[in-house]
Amino acid sequence: MKDILKGLLIGLGKIMPGVSGSVIAISLGVYEKAISALNNFYKNKDDLIYLIKILLGILISIAFMGKVIIYLLTRYYSYTIFLFAGLILGSSSDIKQHVKKKYWYLSIISFIIIVVFSFISNPNSVVIKDNTIYFLYYFFSGFVDAIATVIPGISGTALLMLLGSYKDVASIFSNILNFSFLINHISMLLPFIFGMLFGLFLSLKLVNILFRKCYYQTYNIILGLLYGSVFIMLKTCSYNFSSILIGLLLFIFSFIFIKKINHFL
């Protein structure tokens, strides 16, 4: 039951803009075990069962919370973003334990890269008429989302917002149990799934190499990407006295909440 509950929390991180599901996985002690299981599940029955439990929790979370997240972002965008930002920073303590001060410049470089990318990208949804470009666009969206799912500190939803495909992908996630909806959007769903599978294959190989050959440098880069994701989120908010005050209260609440949750999981 614990593994399913952890999957529920990781699933929330998966659909929340700016939140990295893999960061939450790290803070819950799931990440390294899950990466190992993904590379060996076809050899070890226990690894397969473990992955099924985690995946079940993720799917339940996405299926039942997707619409709620979309509603909150539509009606209370700034408040919701502050809440999510607190969850991200509150779950980042495990990452900080793996960084080295002598590689501080890598954190700064990765932070600057993702921030610059956020300013030169168009976050609005795009309209594509050419079928080939349409396929490649959603294939790339799936590829990016998979990379962000595996590599800690990178928020897939934040990157999808920058690409302009977040609303489309979120609609699929929130209707994951609605088979008629999925069939009607099969031209979007298939390239996205293909992109995710390709991205998962490459990113799992990449993560193994990075953590084996440059462990501490990788975590420093991840930390910079994490802070960059929070910046991207907060810069999209509208600011006035009430939004700042209520937003800060929600930020503090979510920050403390995820800290406390980590003690039970």
Protein backbone atom coordinates (compact mmCIF):
# COMPACT_ATOMS: atom_id res chain seq x y z
CA MET A 1 0.00 0.00 0.00
CA LYS A 2 2.90 2.32 0.76
CA ASP A 3 4.26 1.97 -2.76
CA ILE A 4 0.86 2.83 -4.26
CA LEU A 5 0.61 5.91 -2.01
CA LYS A 6 4.07 7.01 -3.11
CA GLY A 7 2.93 6.56 -6.71
CA LEU A 8 -0.06 8.82 -5.99
CA LEU A 9 2.25 11.62 -4.85
CA ILE A 10 4.60 11.12 -7.81
CA GLY A 11 1.57 11.25 -10.13
CA LEU A 12 0.61 14.62 -8.65
CA GLY A 13 4.12 15.83 -9.39
CA LYS A 14 3.71 14.55 -12.92
CA ILE A 15 0.66 16.70 -13.70
CA MET A 16 1.51 19.80 -11.67
CA PRO A 17 3.16 22.56 -13.74
CA GLY A 18 6.73 23.11 -12.60
CA VAL A 19 6.81 20.11 -10.30
CA SER A 20 9.22 17.29 -11.13
CA GLY A 21 7.76 13.88 -10.41
CA SER A 22 11.28 12.48 -10.20
CA VAL A 23 12.22 15.04 -7.53
CA ILE A 24 9.27 13.85 -5.46
CA ALA A 25 10.38 10.27 -6.17
CA ILE A 26 13.84 11.13 -4.79
CA SER A 27 12.39 12.74 -1.67
CA LEU A 28 10.24 9.63 -1.08
CA GLY A 29 13.19 7.26 -1.53
CA VAL A 30 11.74 5.79 -4.73
CA TYR A 31 13.91 7.18 -7.51
CA GLU A 32 17.06 5.05 -7.48
CA LYS A 33 15.10 1.86 -6.76
CA ALA A 34 12.68 2.64 -9.61
CA ILE A 35 15.52 3.34 -12.08
CA SER A 36 17.15 0.05 -11.13
CA ALA A 37 13.82 -1.78 -11.46
CA LEU A 38 13.18 -0.27 -14.90
CA ASN A 39 16.51 -1.61 -16.10
CA ASN A 40 15.97 -5.09 -14.61
CA PHE A 41 12.21 -5.76 -14.39
CA TYR A 42 12.39 -8.37 -17.16
CA LYS A 43 14.93 -10.30 -15.07
CA ASN A 44 13.48 -9.87 -11.58
CA LYS A 45 9.83 -10.55 -10.67
CA ASP A 46 10.05 -8.40 -7.52
CA ASP A 47 11.17 -5.40 -9.59
CA LEU A 48 8.19 -5.86 -11.91
CA ILE A 49 5.72 -6.01 -8.99
CA TYR A 50 7.30 -2.92 -7.46
CA LEU A 51 6.98 -0.98 -10.72
CA ILE A 52 3.35 -2.07 -11.14
CA LYS A 53 2.48 -0.71 -7.68
CA ILE A 54 4.20 2.62 -8.34
CA LEU A 55 2.65 2.90 -11.81
CA LEU A 56 -0.82 2.07 -10.44
CA GLY A 57 -0.54 4.91 -7.95
CA ILE A 58 0.64 7.30 -10.68
CA LEU A 59 -2.24 6.36 -13.01
CA ILE A 60 -4.85 6.70 -10.25
CA SER A 61 -3.47 10.11 -9.33
CA ILE A 62 -3.46 11.32 -12.95
CA ALA A 63 -6.93 9.92 -13.70
CA PHE A 64 -8.68 11.40 -10.67
CA MET A 65 -6.65 14.54 -10.02
CA GLY A 66 -6.02 15.71 -13.60
CA LYS A 67 -9.36 17.53 -13.90
CA VAL A 68 -8.94 19.04 -10.43
CA ILE A 69 -5.52 20.43 -11.33
CA ILE A 70 -6.82 21.89 -14.61
CA TYR A 71 -9.77 23.47 -12.75
CA LEU A 72 -7.50 25.03 -10.12
CA LEU A 73 -5.13 26.37 -12.78
CA THR A 74 -8.07 27.84 -14.70
CA ARG A 75 -9.80 29.48 -11.72
CA TYR A 76 -6.97 30.12 -9.24
CA TYR A 77 -3.80 30.06 -11.31
CA SER A 78 -1.46 32.17 -9.16
CA TYR A 79 -2.54 30.59 -5.88
CA THR A 80 -2.12 27.11 -7.34
CA ILE A 81 1.35 27.92 -8.68
CA PHE A 82 2.50 29.20 -5.27
CA LEU A 83 1.18 25.98 -3.72
CA PHE A 84 3.10 23.86 -6.22
CA ALA A 85 6.27 25.93 -5.79
CA GLY A 86 6.23 25.14 -2.07
CA LEU A 87 5.91 21.43 -2.86
CA ILE A 88 8.93 21.58 -5.18
CA LEU A 89 11.27 23.39 -2.81
CA GLY A 90 10.03 21.37 0.14
CA SER A 91 10.91 18.14 -1.64
CA SER A 92 14.36 19.28 -2.77
CA SER A 93 16.29 18.59 0.45
CA ASP A 94 17.40 15.14 -0.72
CA ILE A 95 18.92 16.63 -3.87
CA LYS A 96 20.89 19.15 -1.82
CA GLN A 97 22.52 16.31 0.10
CA HIS A 98 24.15 15.12 -3.12
CA VAL A 99 25.56 18.40 -4.43
CA LYS A 100 29.15 19.60 -4.01
CA LYS A 101 30.02 23.26 -3.47
CA LYS A 102 32.98 23.07 -5.84
CA TYR A 103 30.56 22.45 -8.72
CA TRP A 104 28.35 25.44 -7.87
CA TYR A 105 28.93 26.93 -11.33
CA LEU A 106 27.07 24.01 -12.94
CA SER A 107 23.97 24.87 -10.91
CA ILE A 108 24.16 28.48 -12.05
CA ILE A 109 24.70 27.55 -15.71
CA SER A 110 21.75 25.12 -15.77
CA PHE A 111 19.57 27.70 -14.00
CA ILE A 112 20.45 30.39 -16.55
CA ILE A 113 19.85 28.05 -19.52
CA ILE A 114 16.32 27.09 -18.47
CA VAL A 115 15.43 30.68 -17.54
CA VAL A 116 16.66 32.01 -20.90
CA PHE A 117 14.73 29.26 -22.67
CA SER A 118 11.57 30.34 -20.83
CA PHE A 119 11.93 33.90 -22.14
CA ILE A 120 12.52 32.97 -25.77
CA SER A 121 9.76 30.32 -25.91
CA ASN A 122 6.12 30.99 -26.63
CA PRO A 123 3.94 29.43 -23.90
CA ASN A 124 0.71 29.77 -25.87
CA SER A 125 -0.91 26.76 -27.48
CA VAL A 126 0.04 26.30 -31.08
CA VAL A 127 -2.10 25.50 -34.09
CA ILE A 128 -0.58 23.05 -36.58
CA LYS A 129 -2.21 22.02 -39.84
CA ASP A 130 0.53 20.04 -41.57
CA ASN A 131 0.18 16.33 -40.61
CA THR A 132 3.92 15.61 -40.57
CA ILE A 133 4.73 18.61 -38.40
CA TYR A 134 1.73 17.73 -36.20
CA PHE A 135 3.13 14.21 -35.63
CA LEU A 136 6.67 15.49 -34.97
CA TYR A 137 5.39 18.20 -32.63
CA TYR A 138 3.59 15.75 -30.33
CA PHE A 139 6.34 13.16 -30.73
CA PHE A 140 8.83 15.77 -29.49
CA SER A 141 6.45 16.75 -26.67
CA GLY A 142 6.33 13.11 -25.55
CA PHE A 143 10.10 12.83 -25.88
CA VAL A 144 10.66 15.93 -23.74
CA ASP A 145 8.13 14.76 -21.15
CA ALA A 146 9.87 11.38 -20.87
CA ILE A 147 13.29 12.98 -20.43
CA ALA A 148 11.87 15.22 -17.70
CA THR A 149 10.18 12.22 -16.05
CA VAL A 150 13.47 10.38 -15.65
CA ILE A 151 15.93 13.22 -15.01
CA PRO A 152 15.30 14.82 -11.58
CA GLY A 153 14.81 18.56 -11.34
CA ILE A 154 13.31 19.00 -14.81
CA SER A 155 9.58 19.62 -14.83
CA GLY A 156 7.90 18.00 -17.82
CA THR A 157 4.77 20.08 -17.39
CA ALA A 158 6.79 23.31 -17.25
CA LEU A 159 8.57 22.38 -20.47
CA LEU A 160 5.29 21.39 -22.14
CA MET A 161 3.89 24.80 -21.18
CA LEU A 162 6.88 26.40 -22.89
CA LEU A 163 6.29 24.25 -25.99
CA GLY A 164 2.61 25.18 -25.99
CA SER A 165 1.35 21.59 -25.75
CA TYR A 166 0.56 21.42 -22.02
CA LYS A 167 -3.21 21.97 -22.32
CA ASP A 168 -3.53 19.29 -24.99
CA VAL A 169 -1.46 16.77 -23.02
CA ALA A 170 -3.24 17.62 -19.76
CA SER A 171 -6.60 16.98 -21.43
CA ILE A 172 -5.38 13.49 -22.38
CA PHE A 173 -4.07 12.78 -18.89
CA SER A 174 -7.29 13.97 -17.23
CA ASN A 175 -9.39 11.78 -19.57
CA ILE A 176 -7.17 8.72 -19.37
CA LEU A 177 -10.16 6.52 -18.42
CA ASN A 178 -12.41 8.00 -21.12
CA PHE A 179 -11.75 5.62 -24.02
CA SER A 180 -14.00 7.45 -26.50
CA PHE A 181 -12.06 10.66 -25.82
CA LEU A 182 -8.74 8.87 -26.33
CA ILE A 183 -9.93 7.34 -29.61
CA ASN A 184 -11.06 10.76 -30.87
CA HIS A 185 -7.62 12.17 -30.08
CA ILE A 186 -5.60 9.18 -31.29
CA SER A 187 -3.67 11.34 -33.79
CA MET A 188 -2.26 13.28 -30.83
CA LEU A 189 -2.01 10.37 -28.41
CA LEU A 190 0.01 7.97 -30.56
CA PRO A 191 2.92 10.30 -31.48
CA PHE A 192 3.05 11.44 -27.86
CA ILE A 193 3.29 7.83 -26.62
CA PHE A 194 5.93 6.96 -29.25
CA GLY A 195 7.92 10.03 -28.22
CA MET A 196 7.67 9.05 -24.55
CA LEU A 197 8.86 5.49 -25.19
CA PHE A 198 11.82 6.72 -27.23
CA GLY A 199 12.63 9.35 -24.61
CA LEU A 200 12.43 6.82 -21.77
CA PHE A 201 14.83 4.47 -23.54
CA LEU A 202 17.42 7.19 -24.13
CA SER A 203 17.04 8.93 -20.76
CA LEU A 204 17.40 5.70 -18.75
CA LYS A 205 20.68 5.03 -20.54
CA LEU A 206 21.76 8.66 -20.05
CA VAL A 207 20.94 8.67 -16.33
CA ASN A 208 22.93 5.49 -15.76
CA ILE A 209 25.97 7.00 -17.49
CA LEU A 210 25.71 10.37 -15.74
CA PHE A 211 25.32 8.96 -12.25
CA ARG A 212 28.08 6.44 -12.84
CA LYS A 213 30.66 8.83 -14.31
CA CYS A 214 29.82 12.29 -12.92
CA TYR A 215 27.53 11.77 -9.93
CA TYR A 216 27.98 15.05 -8.05
CA GLN A 217 28.17 17.22 -11.16
CA THR A 218 24.85 15.76 -12.31
CA TYR A 219 23.14 16.63 -9.03
CA ASN A 220 24.48 20.18 -9.19
CA ILE A 221 22.96 20.54 -12.66
CA ILE A 222 19.69 19.06 -11.40
CA LEU A 223 19.56 21.59 -8.55
CA GLY A 224 19.94 24.48 -10.99
CA LEU A 225 17.17 23.07 -13.20
CA LEU A 226 14.96 22.68 -10.14
CA TYR A 227 15.31 26.34 -9.14
CA GLY A 228 14.88 27.34 -12.77
CA SER A 229 11.57 25.44 -12.92
CA VAL A 230 10.33 27.33 -9.85
CA PHE A 231 11.33 30.63 -11.45
CA ILE A 232 9.45 29.73 -14.65
CA MET A 233 6.33 28.98 -12.65
CA LEU A 234 6.39 32.13 -10.53
CA LYS A 235 7.10 34.48 -13.43
CA THR A 236 3.81 33.44 -15.05
CA CYS A 237 1.75 34.57 -12.05
CA SER A 238 -0.12 37.86 -11.76
CA TYR A 239 0.93 39.83 -8.71
CA ASN A 240 -1.06 42.07 -6.38
CA PHE A 241 -1.24 42.37 -2.61
CA SER A 242 -3.81 39.59 -2.08
CA SER A 243 -2.20 37.15 -4.50
CA ILE A 244 1.22 37.64 -2.87
CA LEU A 245 -0.14 37.31 0.68
CA ILE A 246 -2.35 34.27 0.05
CA GLY A 247 0.26 32.80 -2.29
CA LEU A 248 2.97 33.00 0.37
CA LEU A 249 0.69 31.34 2.93
CA LEU A 250 -0.04 28.51 0.49
CA PHE A 251 3.67 28.25 -0.32
CA ILE A 252 4.57 27.89 3.38
CA PHE A 253 1.78 25.38 3.95
CA SER A 254 2.78 23.14 1.03
CA PHE A 255 6.49 23.47 1.93
CA ILE A 256 5.85 22.24 5.49
CA PHE A 257 3.32 19.64 4.32
CA ILE A 258 5.70 17.84 1.97
CA LYS A 259 8.43 17.96 4.63
CA LYS A 260 6.11 16.24 7.11
CA ILE A 261 4.88 13.71 4.54
CA ASN A 262 8.46 12.59 3.90
CA HIS A 263 8.73 11.41 7.51
CA PHE A 264 5.89 8.92 7.01
CA LEU A 265 6.90 7.50 3.61
